[in-house]
Amino acid sequence: MIQFIQNLTGMGGMTDQIIATDFLVSAKSAVRNYAAAITETATPELKAVLREQLNAAIRSHENITNYMVAKGYYHPHELREQLQIDLTASDTALHLAEK
């Protein structure tokens, strides 16, 4: 059923990539937000809790990045390859709007 929906929307196997990308962006946002919250917190106890959460968010970001690199969805050290992936994803999104 999922393959049918993917084919119907023209996305093929891109849904895993899109989900992973969204997850990566969310993890990156969490890192940024926890870091900012630590600088605004007055109590040492709360800072310690936020540091634990920050470290967990960093580990999540690393795990997601490693998954995406292994699957070929993300090429952080190959700008041209990453650009091509991003252009393909953008083109797919544009064509979805036409359907």
C-alpha atoms as a PDB file:
ATOM      1  CA  MET A   1       0.000   0.000   0.000  1.00  0.00           C
ATOM      2  CA  ILE A   2       2.797   2.427   0.871  1.00  0.00           C
ATOM      3  CA  GLN A   3       4.553   1.695  -2.424  1.00  0.00           C
ATOM      4  CA  PHE A   4       1.273   2.350  -4.247  1.00  0.00           C
ATOM      5  CA  ILE A   5       0.900   5.762  -2.565  1.00  0.00           C
ATOM      6  CA  GLN A   6       4.531   6.613  -3.263  1.00  0.00           C
ATOM      7  CA  ASN A   7       4.094   5.735  -6.925  1.00  0.00           C
ATOM      8  CA  LEU A   8       0.821   7.628  -7.107  1.00  0.00           C
ATOM      9  CA  THR A   9       2.423  10.793  -5.760  1.00  0.00           C
ATOM     10  CA  GLY A  10       5.565  10.332  -7.846  1.00  0.00           C
ATOM     11  CA  MET A  11       7.781  10.158  -4.807  1.00  0.00           C
ATOM     12  CA  GLY A  12       9.066   6.610  -5.232  1.00  0.00           C
ATOM     13  CA  GLY A  13      11.506   5.896  -2.406  1.00  0.00           C
ATOM     14  CA  MET A  14      11.836   9.530  -1.375  1.00  0.00           C
ATOM     15  CA  THR A  15       9.575   9.312   1.661  1.00  0.00           C
ATOM     16  CA  ASP A  16      12.300   7.719   3.822  1.00  0.00           C
ATOM     17  CA  GLN A  17      14.659  10.486   2.778  1.00  0.00           C
ATOM     18  CA  ILE A  18      12.081  13.175   3.530  1.00  0.00           C
ATOM     19  CA  ILE A  19      11.264  11.725   6.944  1.00  0.00           C
ATOM     20  CA  ALA A  20      14.958  11.417   7.820  1.00  0.00           C
ATOM     21  CA  THR A  21      15.623  14.978   6.639  1.00  0.00           C
ATOM     22  CA  ASP A  22      12.761  16.332   8.737  1.00  0.00           C
ATOM     23  CA  PHE A  23      14.047  14.385  11.712  1.00  0.00           C
ATOM     24  CA  LEU A  24      17.568  15.748  11.164  1.00  0.00           C
ATOM     25  CA  VAL A  25      16.290  19.328  10.973  1.00  0.00           C
ATOM     26  CA  SER A  26      14.298  18.791  14.173  1.00  0.00           C
ATOM     27  CA  ALA A  27      17.322  17.352  15.973  1.00  0.00           C
ATOM     28  CA  LYS A  28      19.436  20.317  14.837  1.00  0.00           C
ATOM     29  CA  SER A  29      16.769  22.691  16.118  1.00  0.00           C
ATOM     30  CA  ALA A  30      16.679  20.870  19.448  1.00  0.00           C
ATOM     31  CA  VAL A  31      20.461  21.263  19.820  1.00  0.00           C
ATOM     32  CA  ARG A  32      20.172  24.980  19.128  1.00  0.00           C
ATOM     33  CA  ASN A  33      17.237  25.430  21.511  1.00  0.00           C
ATOM     34  CA  TYR A  34      18.818  23.489  24.387  1.00  0.00           C
ATOM     35  CA  ALA A  35      22.068  25.443  24.011  1.00  0.00           C
ATOM     36  CA  ALA A  36      20.157  28.717  24.142  1.00  0.00           C
ATOM     37  CA  ALA A  37      18.095  27.559  27.112  1.00  0.00           C
ATOM     38  CA  ILE A  38      21.243  26.675  29.054  1.00  0.00           C
ATOM     39  CA  THR A  39      22.516  30.224  28.662  1.00  0.00           C
ATOM     40  CA  GLU A  40      19.229  31.622  29.986  1.00  0.00           C
ATOM     41  CA  THR A  41      18.873  29.323  32.998  1.00  0.00           C
ATOM     42  CA  ALA A  42      19.779  30.490  36.475  1.00  0.00           C
ATOM     43  CA  THR A  43      19.728  27.307  38.567  1.00  0.00           C
ATOM     44  CA  PRO A  44      22.544  24.749  38.410  1.00  0.00           C
ATOM     45  CA  GLU A  45      20.065  21.871  38.678  1.00  0.00           C
ATOM     46  CA  LEU A  46      18.114  22.973  35.633  1.00  0.00           C
ATOM     47  CA  LYS A  47      21.343  23.627  33.706  1.00  0.00           C
ATOM     48  CA  ALA A  48      22.426  20.055  34.441  1.00  0.00           C
ATOM     49  CA  VAL A  49      19.121  18.660  33.154  1.00  0.00           C
ATOM     50  CA  LEU A  50      19.313  20.808  30.040  1.00  0.00           C
ATOM     51  CA  ARG A  51      22.911  19.680  29.421  1.00  0.00           C
ATOM     52  CA  GLU A  52      21.763  16.057  29.556  1.00  0.00           C
ATOM     53  CA  GLN A  53      19.026  16.846  27.058  1.00  0.00           C
ATOM     54  CA  LEU A  54      21.498  18.744  24.868  1.00  0.00           C
ATOM     55  CA  ASN A  55      23.853  15.760  24.841  1.00  0.00           C
ATOM     56  CA  ALA A  56      20.967  13.452  23.929  1.00  0.00           C
ATOM     57  CA  ALA A  57      19.950  15.785  21.083  1.00  0.00           C
ATOM     58  CA  ILE A  58      23.552  15.839  19.813  1.00  0.00           C
ATOM     59  CA  ARG A  59      23.673  12.030  19.871  1.00  0.00           C
ATOM     60  CA  SER A  60      20.349  11.881  18.012  1.00  0.00           C
ATOM     61  CA  HIS A  61      21.644  14.301  15.397  1.00  0.00           C
ATOM     62  CA  GLU A  62      24.769  12.174  14.946  1.00  0.00           C
ATOM     63  CA  ASN A  63      22.754   8.953  14.637  1.00  0.00           C
ATOM     64  CA  ILE A  64      20.389  10.472  12.083  1.00  0.00           C
ATOM     65  CA  THR A  65      23.304  11.930  10.118  1.00  0.00           C
ATOM     66  CA  ASN A  66      25.078   8.562  10.077  1.00  0.00           C
ATOM     67  CA  TYR A  67      21.872   6.844   8.901  1.00  0.00           C
ATOM     68  CA  MET A  68      21.370   9.378   6.122  1.00  0.00           C
ATOM     69  CA  VAL A  69      24.997   9.126   4.972  1.00  0.00           C
ATOM     70  CA  ALA A  70      24.799   5.317   4.959  1.00  0.00           C
ATOM     71  CA  LYS A  71      21.601   5.420   2.892  1.00  0.00           C
ATOM     72  CA  GLY A  72      23.051   7.962   0.463  1.00  0.00           C
ATOM     73  CA  TYR A  73      20.526  10.649   1.428  1.00  0.00           C
ATOM     74  CA  TYR A  74      23.082  13.079   2.783  1.00  0.00           C
ATOM     75  CA  HIS A  75      26.585  13.968   1.601  1.00  0.00           C
ATOM     76  CA  PRO A  76      27.956  16.516   4.076  1.00  0.00           C
ATOM     77  CA  HIS A  77      31.465  16.403   2.595  1.00  0.00           C
ATOM     78  CA  GLU A  78      30.478  16.298  -1.088  1.00  0.00           C
ATOM     79  CA  LEU A  79      28.807  19.583  -1.965  1.00  0.00           C
ATOM     80  CA  ARG A  80      28.059  18.692  -5.596  1.00  0.00           C
ATOM     81  CA  GLU A  81      26.438  15.389  -4.685  1.00  0.00           C
ATOM     82  CA  GLN A  82      24.400  17.061  -1.939  1.00  0.00           C
ATOM     83  CA  LEU A  83      23.332  19.814  -4.320  1.00  0.00           C
ATOM     84  CA  GLN A  84      22.076  17.222  -6.805  1.00  0.00           C
ATOM     85  CA  ILE A  85      20.111  15.439  -4.075  1.00  0.00           C
ATOM     86  CA  ASP A  86      18.593  18.740  -2.928  1.00  0.00           C
ATOM     87  CA  LEU A  87      17.679  19.715  -6.491  1.00  0.00           C
ATOM     88  CA  THR A  88      16.026  16.342  -7.072  1.00  0.00           C
ATOM     89  CA  ALA A  89      14.017  16.691  -3.857  1.00  0.00           C
ATOM     90  CA  SER A  90      12.995  20.238  -4.809  1.00  0.00           C
ATOM     91  CA  ASP A  91      11.971  19.117  -8.287  1.00  0.00           C
ATOM     92  CA  THR A  92       9.886  16.311  -6.796  1.00  0.00           C
ATOM     93  CA  ALA A  93       8.173  18.754  -4.433  1.00  0.00           C
ATOM     94  CA  LEU A  94       7.409  21.134  -7.299  1.00  0.00           C
ATOM     95  CA  HIS A  95       5.909  18.343  -9.382  1.00  0.00           C
ATOM     96  CA  LEU A  96       3.763  17.219  -6.451  1.00  0.00           C
ATOM     97  CA  ALA A  97       2.174  20.638  -6.418  1.00  0.00           C
ATOM     98  CA  GLU A  98       1.243  20.218 -10.084  1.00  0.00           C
ATOM     99  CA  LYS A  99      -0.645  16.965  -9.486  1.00  0.00           C
END
